[in-house]
Amino acid sequence: MPRNIVALVALLPAAWFFLQALREQVGRARLPVVLWTALGLLLVSVLVVGVGLPYLFYDQSMAIQDCLQGANTQQAEADCTTDWTTDLSRFTQGR
């Protein structure tokens, strides 16, 4: 997981440039061009969230990765996922 943060090096400038292009196109370019640029910005934003979200739950994310690396069977993998889901629901519900 720690190595995937490198993706933000490319994604954040891409989001910035999409936003700048969108601002320039609104009112000047044809609607399909603006929509395609907006779609690109949306996709880059989803990727930024997807890469950044595990860092908000860093301890839980690292725990499931460690658990899954040590799991030798499908049952062990299922137990890791169940434990992670339980821990994450406790964290998000404030318990």
PDB file of N, CA and C in Angstrom:
ATOM      1  N   MET A   1       0.802  -1.199   0.000  1.00  0.00           N
ATOM      2  CA  MET A   1       0.000   0.000   0.000  1.00  0.00           C
ATOM      3  C   MET A   1       0.849   1.270   0.000  1.00  0.00           C
ATOM      4  N   PRO A   2       1.895   1.355   0.782  1.00  0.00           N
ATOM      5  CA  PRO A   2       2.611   2.634   0.804  1.00  0.00           C
ATOM      6  C   PRO A   2       3.166   3.068  -0.549  1.00  0.00           C
ATOM      7  N   ARG A   3       3.407   2.123  -1.442  1.00  0.00           N
ATOM      8  CA  ARG A   3       3.959   2.503  -2.743  1.00  0.00           C
ATOM      9  C   ARG A   3       2.915   3.074  -3.698  1.00  0.00           C
ATOM     10  N   ASN A   4       1.645   2.819  -3.450  1.00  0.00           N
ATOM     11  CA  ASN A   4       0.626   3.307  -4.376  1.00  0.00           C
ATOM     12  C   ASN A   4       0.368   4.799  -4.235  1.00  0.00           C
ATOM     13  N   ILE A   5       0.914   5.425  -3.222  1.00  0.00           N
ATOM     14  CA  ILE A   5       0.754   6.869  -3.076  1.00  0.00           C
ATOM     15  C   ILE A   5       1.479   7.610  -4.208  1.00  0.00           C
ATOM     16  N   VAL A   6       2.402   6.928  -4.857  1.00  0.00           N
ATOM     17  CA  VAL A   6       3.099   7.518  -5.996  1.00  0.00           C
ATOM     18  C   VAL A   6       2.114   7.871  -7.115  1.00  0.00           C
ATOM     19  N   ALA A   7       1.005   7.149  -7.169  1.00  0.00           N
ATOM     20  CA  ALA A   7      -0.013   7.440  -8.180  1.00  0.00           C
ATOM     21  C   ALA A   7      -0.552   8.856  -8.024  1.00  0.00           C
ATOM     22  N   LEU A   8      -0.557   9.365  -6.803  1.00  0.00           N
ATOM     23  CA  LEU A   8      -1.039  10.731  -6.593  1.00  0.00           C
ATOM     24  C   LEU A   8      -0.147  11.766  -7.261  1.00  0.00           C
ATOM     25  N   VAL A   9       1.115  11.413  -7.474  1.00  0.00           N
ATOM     26  CA  VAL A   9       2.032  12.325  -8.163  1.00  0.00           C
ATOM     27  C   VAL A   9       1.526  12.626  -9.571  1.00  0.00           C
ATOM     28  N   ALA A  10       0.907  11.665 -10.203  1.00  0.00           N
ATOM     29  CA  ALA A  10       0.346  11.882 -11.537  1.00  0.00           C
ATOM     30  C   ALA A  10      -1.113  12.318 -11.490  1.00  0.00           C
ATOM     31  N   LEU A  11      -1.864  11.802 -10.532  1.00  0.00           N
ATOM     32  CA  LEU A  11      -3.301  12.076 -10.499  1.00  0.00           C
ATOM     33  C   LEU A  11      -3.639  13.501 -10.080  1.00  0.00           C
ATOM     34  N   LEU A  12      -2.934  14.041  -9.115  1.00  0.00           N
ATOM     35  CA  LEU A  12      -3.251  15.398  -8.665  1.00  0.00           C
ATOM     36  C   LEU A  12      -2.996  16.446  -9.749  1.00  0.00           C
ATOM     37  N   PRO A  13      -1.852  16.415 -10.443  1.00  0.00           N
ATOM     38  CA  PRO A  13      -1.708  17.359 -11.558  1.00  0.00           C
ATOM     39  C   PRO A  13      -2.723  17.109 -12.677  1.00  0.00           C
ATOM     40  N   ALA A  14      -3.075  15.857 -12.917  1.00  0.00           N
ATOM     41  CA  ALA A  14      -4.075  15.567 -13.945  1.00  0.00           C
ATOM     42  C   ALA A  14      -5.410  16.197 -13.569  1.00  0.00           C
ATOM     43  N   ALA A  15      -5.782  16.090 -12.308  1.00  0.00           N
ATOM     44  CA  ALA A  15      -7.036  16.706 -11.851  1.00  0.00           C
ATOM     45  C   ALA A  15      -6.963  18.230 -12.013  1.00  0.00           C
ATOM     46  N   TRP A  16      -5.827  18.811 -11.667  1.00  0.00           N
ATOM     47  CA  TRP A  16      -5.648  20.255 -11.812  1.00  0.00           C
ATOM     48  C   TRP A  16      -5.812  20.681 -13.277  1.00  0.00           C
ATOM     49  N   PHE A  17      -5.170  19.962 -14.186  1.00  0.00           N
ATOM     50  CA  PHE A  17      -5.244  20.330 -15.602  1.00  0.00           C
ATOM     51  C   PHE A  17      -6.641  20.095 -16.180  1.00  0.00           C
ATOM     52  N   PHE A  18      -7.300  19.037 -15.754  1.00  0.00           N
ATOM     53  CA  PHE A  18      -8.688  18.829 -16.187  1.00  0.00           C
ATOM     54  C   PHE A  18      -9.573  19.977 -15.708  1.00  0.00           C
ATOM     55  N   LEU A  19      -9.380  20.394 -14.469  1.00  0.00           N
ATOM     56  CA  LEU A  19     -10.169  21.488 -13.931  1.00  0.00           C
ATOM     57  C   LEU A  19      -9.908  22.787 -14.700  1.00  0.00           C
ATOM     58  N   GLN A  20      -8.651  23.064 -14.998  1.00  0.00           N
ATOM     59  CA  GLN A  20      -8.313  24.264 -15.761  1.00  0.00           C
ATOM     60  C   GLN A  20      -8.906  24.203 -17.170  1.00  0.00           C
ATOM     61  N   ALA A  21      -8.816  23.054 -17.806  1.00  0.00           N
ATOM     62  CA  ALA A  21      -9.379  22.898 -19.147  1.00  0.00           C
ATOM     63  C   ALA A  21     -10.890  23.072 -19.123  1.00  0.00           C
ATOM     64  N   LEU A  22     -11.517  22.524 -18.104  1.00  0.00           N
ATOM     65  CA  LEU A  22     -12.964  22.645 -17.987  1.00  0.00           C
ATOM     66  C   LEU A  22     -13.374  24.104 -17.802  1.00  0.00           C
ATOM     67  N   ARG A  23     -12.641  24.823 -16.984  1.00  0.00           N
ATOM     68  CA  ARG A  23     -12.947  26.241 -16.770  1.00  0.00           C
ATOM     69  C   ARG A  23     -12.801  27.044 -18.063  1.00  0.00           C
ATOM     70  N   GLU A  24     -11.826  26.705 -18.869  1.00  0.00           N
ATOM     71  CA  GLU A  24     -11.621  27.405 -20.142  1.00  0.00           C
ATOM     72  C   GLU A  24     -12.690  27.038 -21.169  1.00  0.00           C
ATOM     73  N   GLN A  25     -13.172  25.812 -21.123  1.00  0.00           N
ATOM     74  CA  GLN A  25     -14.113  25.346 -22.137  1.00  0.00           C
ATOM     75  C   GLN A  25     -15.546  25.790 -21.891  1.00  0.00           C
ATOM     76  N   VAL A  26     -15.925  25.965 -20.652  1.00  0.00           N
ATOM     77  CA  VAL A  26     -17.314  26.306 -20.345  1.00  0.00           C
ATOM     78  C   VAL A  26     -17.660  27.640 -20.996  1.00  0.00           C
ATOM     79  N   GLY A  27     -18.703  27.617 -21.799  1.00  0.00           N
ATOM     80  CA  GLY A  27     -19.159  28.807 -22.495  1.00  0.00           C
ATOM     81  C   GLY A  27     -18.482  29.057 -23.823  1.00  0.00           C
ATOM     82  N   ARG A  28     -17.405  28.332 -24.109  1.00  0.00           N
ATOM     83  CA  ARG A  28     -16.672  28.545 -25.361  1.00  0.00           C
ATOM     84  C   ARG A  28     -16.706  27.338 -26.286  1.00  0.00           C
ATOM     85  N   ALA A  29     -16.602  26.168 -25.699  1.00  0.00           N
ATOM     86  CA  ALA A  29     -16.537  24.952 -26.509  1.00  0.00           C
ATOM     87  C   ALA A  29     -17.928  24.342 -26.633  1.00  0.00           C
ATOM     88  N   ARG A  30     -18.042  23.424 -27.586  1.00  0.00           N
ATOM     89  CA  ARG A  30     -19.314  22.719 -27.757  1.00  0.00           C
ATOM     90  C   ARG A  30     -19.566  21.804 -26.562  1.00  0.00           C
ATOM     91  N   LEU A  31     -20.828  21.529 -26.318  1.00  0.00           N
ATOM     92  CA  LEU A  31     -21.243  20.744 -25.161  1.00  0.00           C
ATOM     93  C   LEU A  31     -20.577  19.370 -25.095  1.00  0.00           C
ATOM     94  N   PRO A  32     -20.467  18.614 -26.181  1.00  0.00           N
ATOM     95  CA  PRO A  32     -19.816  17.297 -26.068  1.00  0.00           C
ATOM     96  C   PRO A  32     -18.364  17.384 -25.583  1.00  0.00           C
ATOM     97  N   VAL A  33     -17.668  18.418 -26.001  1.00  0.00           N
ATOM     98  CA  VAL A  33     -16.281  18.588 -25.573  1.00  0.00           C
ATOM     99  C   VAL A  33     -16.226  18.860 -24.067  1.00  0.00           C
ATOM    100  N   VAL A  34     -17.111  19.716 -23.602  1.00  0.00           N
ATOM    101  CA  VAL A  34     -17.161  20.039 -22.174  1.00  0.00           C
ATOM    102  C   VAL A  34     -17.534  18.797 -21.368  1.00  0.00           C
ATOM    103  N   LEU A  35     -18.486  18.021 -21.859  1.00  0.00           N
ATOM    104  CA  LEU A  35     -18.902  16.814 -21.147  1.00  0.00           C
ATOM    105  C   LEU A  35     -17.781  15.781 -21.072  1.00  0.00           C
ATOM    106  N   TRP A  36     -17.024  15.608 -22.143  1.00  0.00           N
ATOM    107  CA  TRP A  36     -15.908  14.658 -22.118  1.00  0.00           C
ATOM    108  C   TRP A  36     -14.830  15.111 -21.144  1.00  0.00           C
ATOM    109  N   THR A  37     -14.578  16.401 -21.098  1.00  0.00           N
ATOM    110  CA  THR A  37     -13.593  16.918 -20.147  1.00  0.00           C
ATOM    111  C   THR A  37     -14.084  16.731 -18.717  1.00  0.00           C
ATOM    112  N   ALA A  38     -15.368  16.976 -18.484  1.00  0.00           N
ATOM    113  CA  ALA A  38     -15.944  16.771 -17.154  1.00  0.00           C
ATOM    114  C   ALA A  38     -15.882  15.300 -16.764  1.00  0.00           C
ATOM    115  N   LEU A  39     -16.115  14.417 -17.710  1.00  0.00           N
ATOM    116  CA  LEU A  39     -16.011  12.985 -17.431  1.00  0.00           C
ATOM    117  C   LEU A  39     -14.579  12.616 -17.048  1.00  0.00           C
ATOM    118  N   GLY A  40     -13.612  13.172 -17.747  1.00  0.00           N
ATOM    119  CA  GLY A  40     -12.209  12.928 -17.398  1.00  0.00           C
ATOM    120  C   GLY A  40     -11.893  13.406 -15.996  1.00  0.00           C
ATOM    121  N   LEU A  41     -12.387  14.588 -15.630  1.00  0.00           N
ATOM    122  CA  LEU A  41     -12.179  15.110 -14.284  1.00  0.00           C
ATOM    123  C   LEU A  41     -12.839  14.203 -13.247  1.00  0.00           C
ATOM    124  N   LEU A  42     -14.022  13.722 -13.548  1.00  0.00           N
ATOM    125  CA  LEU A  42     -14.722  12.824 -12.637  1.00  0.00           C
ATOM    126  C   LEU A  42     -13.939  11.530 -12.433  1.00  0.00           C
ATOM    127  N   LEU A  43     -13.445  10.947 -13.506  1.00  0.00           N
ATOM    128  CA  LEU A  43     -12.692   9.698 -13.402  1.00  0.00           C
ATOM    129  C   LEU A  43     -11.397   9.880 -12.624  1.00  0.00           C
ATOM    130  N   VAL A  44     -10.694  10.975 -12.880  1.00  0.00           N
ATOM    131  CA  VAL A  44      -9.464  11.243 -12.138  1.00  0.00           C
ATOM    132  C   VAL A  44      -9.789  11.452 -10.663  1.00  0.00           C
ATOM    133  N   SER A  45     -10.882  12.124 -10.376  1.00  0.00           N
ATOM    134  CA  SER A  45     -11.276  12.356  -8.981  1.00  0.00           C
ATOM    135  C   SER A  45     -11.590  11.044  -8.276  1.00  0.00           C
ATOM    136  N   VAL A  46     -12.254  10.151  -8.971  1.00  0.00           N
ATOM    137  CA  VAL A  46     -12.562   8.836  -8.382  1.00  0.00           C
ATOM    138  C   VAL A  46     -11.261   8.081  -8.095  1.00  0.00           C
ATOM    139  N   LEU A  47     -10.304   8.164  -8.983  1.00  0.00           N
ATOM    140  CA  LEU A  47      -9.026   7.495  -8.756  1.00  0.00           C
ATOM    141  C   LEU A  47      -8.274   8.111  -7.579  1.00  0.00           C
ATOM    142  N   VAL A  48      -8.318   9.434  -7.449  1.00  0.00           N
ATOM    143  CA  VAL A  48      -7.661  10.097  -6.316  1.00  0.00           C
ATOM    144  C   VAL A  48      -8.286   9.624  -5.007  1.00  0.00           C
ATOM    145  N   VAL A  49      -9.597   9.554  -4.963  1.00  0.00           N
ATOM    146  CA  VAL A  49     -10.276   9.079  -3.757  1.00  0.00           C
ATOM    147  C   VAL A  49      -9.926   7.611  -3.497  1.00  0.00           C
ATOM    148  N   GLY A  50      -9.916   6.812  -4.550  1.00  0.00           N
ATOM    149  CA  GLY A  50      -9.595   5.397  -4.398  1.00  0.00           C
ATOM    150  C   GLY A  50      -8.182   5.155  -3.897  1.00  0.00           C
ATOM    151  N   VAL A  51      -7.255   5.984  -4.305  1.00  0.00           N
ATOM    152  CA  VAL A  51      -5.876   5.846  -3.840  1.00  0.00           C
ATOM    153  C   VAL A  51      -5.717   6.444  -2.440  1.00  0.00           C
ATOM    154  N   GLY A  52      -6.394   7.543  -2.181  1.00  0.00           N
ATOM    155  CA  GLY A  52      -6.208   8.243  -0.914  1.00  0.00           C
ATOM    156  C   GLY A  52      -7.005   7.693   0.250  1.00  0.00           C
ATOM    157  N   LEU A  53      -8.140   7.068  -0.006  1.00  0.00           N
ATOM    158  CA  LEU A  53      -9.015   6.601   1.063  1.00  0.00           C
ATOM    159  C   LEU A  53      -8.354   5.606   2.018  1.00  0.00           C
ATOM    160  N   PRO A  54      -7.575   4.644   1.533  1.00  0.00           N
ATOM    161  CA  PRO A  54      -6.930   3.729   2.488  1.00  0.00           C
ATOM    162  C   PRO A  54      -5.995   4.438   3.467  1.00  0.00           C
ATOM    163  N   TYR A  55      -5.492   5.600   3.100  1.00  0.00           N
ATOM    164  CA  TYR A  55      -4.607   6.325   4.011  1.00  0.00           C
ATOM    165  C   TYR A  55      -5.378   6.990   5.146  1.00  0.00           C
ATOM    166  N   LEU A  56      -6.677   7.183   4.980  1.00  0.00           N
ATOM    167  CA  LEU A  56      -7.491   7.675   6.083  1.00  0.00           C
ATOM    168  C   LEU A  56      -7.711   6.585   7.130  1.00  0.00           C
ATOM    169  N   PHE A  57      -7.688   5.353   6.684  1.00  0.00           N
ATOM    170  CA  PHE A  57      -7.832   4.198   7.556  1.00  0.00           C
ATOM    171  C   PHE A  57      -6.546   3.373   7.500  1.00  0.00           C
ATOM    172  N   TYR A  58      -5.428   4.027   7.704  1.00  0.00           N
ATOM    173  CA  TYR A  58      -4.124   3.403   7.487  1.00  0.00           C
ATOM    174  C   TYR A  58      -3.920   2.154   8.338  1.00  0.00           C
ATOM    175  N   ASP A  59      -4.223   2.248   9.631  1.00  0.00           N
ATOM    176  CA  ASP A  59      -4.001   1.095  10.511  1.00  0.00           C
ATOM    177  C   ASP A  59      -4.833  -0.108  10.082  1.00  0.00           C
ATOM    178  N   GLN A  60      -6.103   0.146   9.765  1.00  0.00           N
ATOM    179  CA  GLN A  60      -6.973  -0.948   9.342  1.00  0.00           C
ATOM    180  C   GLN A  60      -6.534  -1.512   7.988  1.00  0.00           C
ATOM    181  N   SER A  61      -6.119  -0.634   7.079  1.00  0.00           N
ATOM    182  CA  SER A  61      -5.689  -1.091   5.752  1.00  0.00           C
ATOM    183  C   SER A  61      -4.431  -1.943   5.839  1.00  0.00           C
ATOM    184  N   MET A  62      -3.482  -1.516   6.662  1.00  0.00           N
ATOM    185  CA  MET A  62      -2.254  -2.299   6.811  1.00  0.00           C
ATOM    186  C   MET A  62      -2.537  -3.618   7.523  1.00  0.00           C
ATOM    187  N   ALA A  63      -3.472  -3.603   8.477  1.00  0.00           N
ATOM    188  CA  ALA A  63      -3.798  -4.832   9.199  1.00  0.00           C
ATOM    189  C   ALA A  63      -4.387  -5.875   8.261  1.00  0.00           C
ATOM    190  N   ILE A  64      -5.291  -5.459   7.371  1.00  0.00           N
ATOM    191  CA  ILE A  64      -5.871  -6.455   6.455  1.00  0.00           C
ATOM    192  C   ILE A  64      -4.836  -6.931   5.444  1.00  0.00           C
ATOM    193  N   GLN A  65      -3.948  -6.059   5.015  1.00  0.00           N
ATOM    194  CA  GLN A  65      -2.907  -6.505   4.088  1.00  0.00           C
ATOM    195  C   GLN A  65      -1.986  -7.527   4.740  1.00  0.00           C
ATOM    196  N   ASP A  66      -1.596  -7.255   5.979  1.00  0.00           N
ATOM    197  CA  ASP A  66      -0.747  -8.207   6.696  1.00  0.00           C
ATOM    198  C   ASP A  66      -1.468  -9.530   6.918  1.00  0.00           C
ATOM    199  N   CYS A  67      -2.749  -9.438   7.273  1.00  0.00           N
ATOM    200  CA  CYS A  67      -3.532 -10.650   7.501  1.00  0.00           C
ATOM    201  C   CYS A  67      -3.664 -11.460   6.206  1.00  0.00           C
ATOM    202  N   LEU A  68      -3.959 -10.789   5.107  1.00  0.00           N
ATOM    203  CA  LEU A  68      -4.131 -11.502   3.837  1.00  0.00           C
ATOM    204  C   LEU A  68      -2.829 -12.101   3.333  1.00  0.00           C
ATOM    205  N   GLN A  69      -1.708 -11.447   3.617  1.00  0.00           N
ATOM    206  CA  GLN A  69      -0.422 -12.016   3.195  1.00  0.00           C
ATOM    207  C   GLN A  69      -0.101 -13.298   3.954  1.00  0.00           C
ATOM    208  N   GLY A  70      -0.571 -13.390   5.196  1.00  0.00           N
ATOM    209  CA  GLY A  70      -0.319 -14.589   5.988  1.00  0.00           C
ATOM    210  C   GLY A  70      -1.361 -15.668   5.820  1.00  0.00           C
ATOM    211  N   ALA A  71      -2.447 -15.367   5.119  1.00  0.00           N
ATOM    212  CA  ALA A  71      -3.532 -16.340   4.951  1.00  0.00           C
ATOM    213  C   ALA A  71      -3.149 -17.377   3.907  1.00  0.00           C
ATOM    214  N   ASN A  72      -3.263 -18.643   4.296  1.00  0.00           N
ATOM    215  CA  ASN A  72      -2.904 -19.735   3.391  1.00  0.00           C
ATOM    216  C   ASN A  72      -4.111 -20.413   2.762  1.00  0.00           C
ATOM    217  N   THR A  73      -5.297 -20.169   3.313  1.00  0.00           N
ATOM    218  CA  THR A  73      -6.491 -20.828   2.796  1.00  0.00           C
ATOM    219  C   THR A  73      -7.560 -19.782   2.500  1.00  0.00           C
ATOM    220  N   GLN A  74      -8.573 -20.211   1.785  1.00  0.00           N
ATOM    221  CA  GLN A  74      -9.682 -19.311   1.498  1.00  0.00           C
ATOM    222  C   GLN A  74     -10.444 -18.958   2.769  1.00  0.00           C
ATOM    223  N   GLN A  75     -10.509 -19.894   3.706  1.00  0.00           N
ATOM    224  CA  GLN A  75     -11.187 -19.621   4.983  1.00  0.00           C
ATOM    225  C   GLN A  75     -10.424 -18.552   5.765  1.00  0.00           C
ATOM    226  N   ALA A  76      -9.110 -18.624   5.751  1.00  0.00           N
ATOM    227  CA  ALA A  76      -8.305 -17.620   6.443  1.00  0.00           C
ATOM    228  C   ALA A  76      -8.491 -16.244   5.799  1.00  0.00           C
ATOM    229  N   GLU A  77      -8.571 -16.210   4.475  1.00  0.00           N
ATOM    230  CA  GLU A  77      -8.825 -14.943   3.782  1.00  0.00           C
ATOM    231  C   GLU A  77     -10.196 -14.394   4.148  1.00  0.00           C
ATOM    232  N   ALA A  78     -11.188 -15.257   4.225  1.00  0.00           N
ATOM    233  CA  ALA A  78     -12.536 -14.823   4.597  1.00  0.00           C
ATOM    234  C   ALA A  78     -12.551 -14.295   6.028  1.00  0.00           C
ATOM    235  N   ASP A  79     -11.801 -14.939   6.922  1.00  0.00           N
ATOM    236  CA  ASP A  79     -11.716 -14.458   8.308  1.00  0.00           C
ATOM    237  C   ASP A  79     -11.068 -13.084   8.368  1.00  0.00           C
ATOM    238  N   CYS A  80     -10.031 -12.870   7.565  1.00  0.00           N
ATOM    239  CA  CYS A  80      -9.377 -11.553   7.520  1.00  0.00           C
ATOM    240  C   CYS A  80     -10.366 -10.486   7.064  1.00  0.00           C
ATOM    241  N   THR A  81     -11.110 -10.782   6.033  1.00  0.00           N
ATOM    242  CA  THR A  81     -12.075  -9.821   5.495  1.00  0.00           C
ATOM    243  C   THR A  81     -13.179  -9.541   6.511  1.00  0.00           C
ATOM    244  N   THR A  82     -13.647 -10.580   7.196  1.00  0.00           N
ATOM    245  CA  THR A  82     -14.687 -10.394   8.208  1.00  0.00           C
ATOM    246  C   THR A  82     -14.166  -9.539   9.355  1.00  0.00           C
ATOM    247  N   ASP A  83     -12.951  -9.825   9.809  1.00  0.00           N
ATOM    248  CA  ASP A  83     -12.354  -9.030  10.890  1.00  0.00           C
ATOM    249  C   ASP A  83     -12.196  -7.580  10.475  1.00  0.00           C
ATOM    250  N   TRP A  84     -11.758  -7.366   9.235  1.00  0.00           N
ATOM    251  CA  TRP A  84     -11.555  -6.002   8.745  1.00  0.00           C
ATOM    252  C   TRP A  84     -12.879  -5.250   8.653  1.00  0.00           C
ATOM    253  N   THR A  85     -13.895  -5.908   8.165  1.00  0.00           N
ATOM    254  CA  THR A  85     -15.210  -5.279   8.054  1.00  0.00           C
ATOM    255  C   THR A  85     -15.745  -4.911   9.437  1.00  0.00           C
ATOM    256  N   THR A  86     -15.571  -5.802  10.401  1.00  0.00           N
ATOM    257  CA  THR A  86     -16.023  -5.533  11.763  1.00  0.00           C
ATOM    258  C   THR A  86     -15.268  -4.349  12.366  1.00  0.00           C
ATOM    259  N   ASP A  87     -13.945  -4.338  12.207  1.00  0.00           N
ATOM    260  CA  ASP A  87     -13.142  -3.239  12.741  1.00  0.00           C
ATOM    261  C   ASP A  87     -13.509  -1.916  12.089  1.00  0.00           C
ATOM    262  N   LEU A  88     -13.717  -1.923  10.780  1.00  0.00           N
ATOM    263  CA  LEU A  88     -14.041  -0.698  10.070  1.00  0.00           C
ATOM    264  C   LEU A  88     -15.424  -0.195  10.472  1.00  0.00           C
ATOM    265  N   SER A  89     -16.377  -1.088  10.661  1.00  0.00           N
ATOM    266  CA  SER A  89     -17.711  -0.636  11.067  1.00  0.00           C
ATOM    267  C   SER A  89     -17.669  -0.076  12.485  1.00  0.00           C
ATOM    268  N   ARG A  90     -16.849  -0.650  13.356  1.00  0.00           N
ATOM    269  CA  ARG A  90     -16.692  -0.079  14.699  1.00  0.00           C
ATOM    270  C   ARG A  90     -16.086   1.320  14.626  1.00  0.00           C
ATOM    271  N   PHE A  91     -15.109   1.477  13.758  1.00  0.00           N
ATOM    272  CA  PHE A  91     -14.432   2.772  13.619  1.00  0.00           C
ATOM    273  C   PHE A  91     -15.386   3.827  13.075  1.00  0.00           C
ATOM    274  N   THR A  92     -16.156   3.479  12.061  1.00  0.00           N
ATOM    275  CA  THR A  92     -17.041   4.464  11.445  1.00  0.00           C
ATOM    276  C   THR A  92     -18.260   4.771  12.316  1.00  0.00           C
ATOM    277  N   GLN A  93     -18.631   3.840  13.198  1.00  0.00           N
ATOM    278  CA  GLN A  93     -19.776   4.082  14.085  1.00  0.00           C
ATOM    279  C   GLN A  93     -19.349   4.669  15.420  1.00  0.00           C
ATOM    280  N   GLY A  94     -18.036   4.844  15.615  1.00  0.00           N
ATOM    281  CA  GLY A  94     -17.530   5.488  16.817  1.00  0.00           C
ATOM    282  C   GLY A  94     -17.545   4.623  18.051  1.00  0.00           C
ATOM    283  N   ARG A  95     -17.450   3.333  17.905  1.00  0.00           N
ATOM    284  CA  ARG A  95     -17.448   2.430  19.061  1.00  0.00           C
ATOM    285  C   ARG A  95     -16.058   2.018  19.417  1.00  0.00           C
TER     286      ARG A  95
END
